[in-house]
Amino acid sequence: MITSFVNQLSNRLNVYYQEFKAELVTLEETDYTIDEELEDARQEWLEAREYFETVNDPDLIDYAIYSLEAAEARYNYLLKEVRRSQSHR
């Protein structure tokens, strides 16, 4: 049971990671600004935090934690990119 849950969670995280990589490539190919991407990532992080704070099912707690960590990682990455681009101006 736990092994199955961990495998499902791992698969979901892999899919999320692949989508995130594809999204970054798409960002480079469009006129979508880094500020807009940063705001989207911030919203995603806030939503993941809210979900984590409200989840009650023990089977979903790990998922909530991983979702929150992934959203935080994306937000922090984009925040560093914004700061880096501003320091080069």
Protein backbone atom coordinates (compact mmCIF):
# COMPACT_ATOMS: atom_id res chain seq x y z
CA MET A 1 0.00 0.00 0.00
CA ILE A 2 2.66 2.51 1.03
CA THR A 3 4.98 1.43 -1.77
CA SER A 4 2.19 1.94 -4.28
CA PHE A 5 1.46 5.39 -2.90
CA VAL A 6 5.14 6.38 -2.99
CA ASN A 7 5.41 5.15 -6.59
CA GLN A 8 2.33 7.14 -7.60
CA LEU A 9 3.69 10.22 -5.86
CA SER A 10 7.06 9.77 -7.54
CA ASN A 11 5.41 9.45 -10.94
CA ARG A 12 3.37 12.60 -10.35
CA LEU A 13 6.48 14.52 -9.33
CA ASN A 14 8.31 13.32 -12.43
CA VAL A 15 5.43 14.50 -14.61
CA TYR A 16 5.39 17.84 -12.79
CA TYR A 17 9.15 18.21 -13.28
CA GLN A 18 8.90 17.45 -17.00
CA GLU A 19 6.06 19.97 -17.37
CA PHE A 20 8.12 22.54 -15.47
CA LYS A 21 11.11 22.02 -17.79
CA ALA A 22 8.84 22.32 -20.83
CA GLU A 23 7.32 25.47 -19.40
CA LEU A 24 10.75 27.07 -19.00
CA VAL A 25 11.61 26.27 -22.61
CA THR A 26 8.27 27.74 -23.69
CA LEU A 27 9.02 30.84 -21.64
CA GLU A 28 12.19 31.41 -23.64
CA GLU A 29 10.31 31.06 -26.93
CA THR A 30 7.50 33.52 -26.16
CA ASP A 31 7.03 37.12 -25.15
CA TYR A 32 5.91 35.98 -21.70
CA THR A 33 7.94 38.09 -19.30
CA ILE A 34 9.88 36.73 -16.38
CA ASP A 35 7.84 38.97 -14.08
CA GLU A 36 4.63 37.30 -15.25
CA GLU A 37 6.18 33.88 -14.81
CA LEU A 38 7.36 34.86 -11.34
CA GLU A 39 3.86 35.99 -10.38
CA ASP A 40 2.39 32.72 -11.67
CA ALA A 41 4.95 30.77 -9.63
CA ARG A 42 4.14 32.86 -6.56
CA GLN A 43 0.43 32.11 -6.95
CA GLU A 44 1.17 28.41 -7.39
CA TRP A 45 3.29 28.46 -4.24
CA LEU A 46 0.56 30.20 -2.23
CA GLU A 47 -2.02 27.68 -3.45
CA ALA A 48 0.27 24.76 -2.56
CA ARG A 49 0.80 26.26 0.89
CA GLU A 50 -2.93 26.66 1.41
CA TYR A 51 -3.51 23.07 0.29
CA PHE A 52 -0.81 21.82 2.67
CA GLU A 53 -2.37 23.71 5.57
CA THR A 54 -5.84 22.31 4.91
CA VAL A 55 -5.19 18.70 3.86
CA ASN A 56 -6.57 16.21 6.38
CA ASP A 57 -6.12 12.85 4.69
CA PRO A 58 -2.88 11.21 5.87
CA ASP A 59 -2.43 9.68 2.41
CA LEU A 60 -2.28 13.16 0.87
CA ILE A 61 0.10 14.79 3.33
CA ASP A 62 3.22 13.61 1.49
CA TYR A 63 1.74 14.80 -1.79
CA ALA A 64 1.00 18.19 -0.23
CA ILE A 65 4.57 18.42 1.07
CA TYR A 66 6.12 17.55 -2.29
CA SER A 67 3.80 19.93 -4.13
CA LEU A 68 4.72 22.72 -1.75
CA GLU A 69 8.44 22.00 -2.07
CA ALA A 70 8.21 21.90 -5.87
CA ALA A 71 6.31 25.18 -5.99
CA GLU A 72 8.82 26.79 -3.62
CA ALA A 73 11.72 25.55 -5.74
CA ARG A 74 10.17 26.98 -8.91
CA TYR A 75 9.43 30.32 -7.24
CA ASN A 76 12.93 30.57 -5.75
CA TYR A 77 14.53 29.71 -9.10
CA LEU A 78 12.57 32.41 -10.93
CA LEU A 79 13.24 34.92 -8.17
CA LYS A 80 16.98 34.30 -8.56
CA GLU A 81 16.65 34.71 -12.34
CA VAL A 82 14.90 38.06 -11.89
CA ARG A 83 17.57 39.25 -9.46
CA ARG A 84 20.32 38.03 -11.78
CA SER A 85 18.81 39.81 -14.78
CA GLN A 86 18.39 43.02 -12.77
CA SER A 87 22.00 42.93 -11.62
CA HIS A 88 23.17 42.74 -15.27
CA ARG A 89 21.37 45.91 -16.24
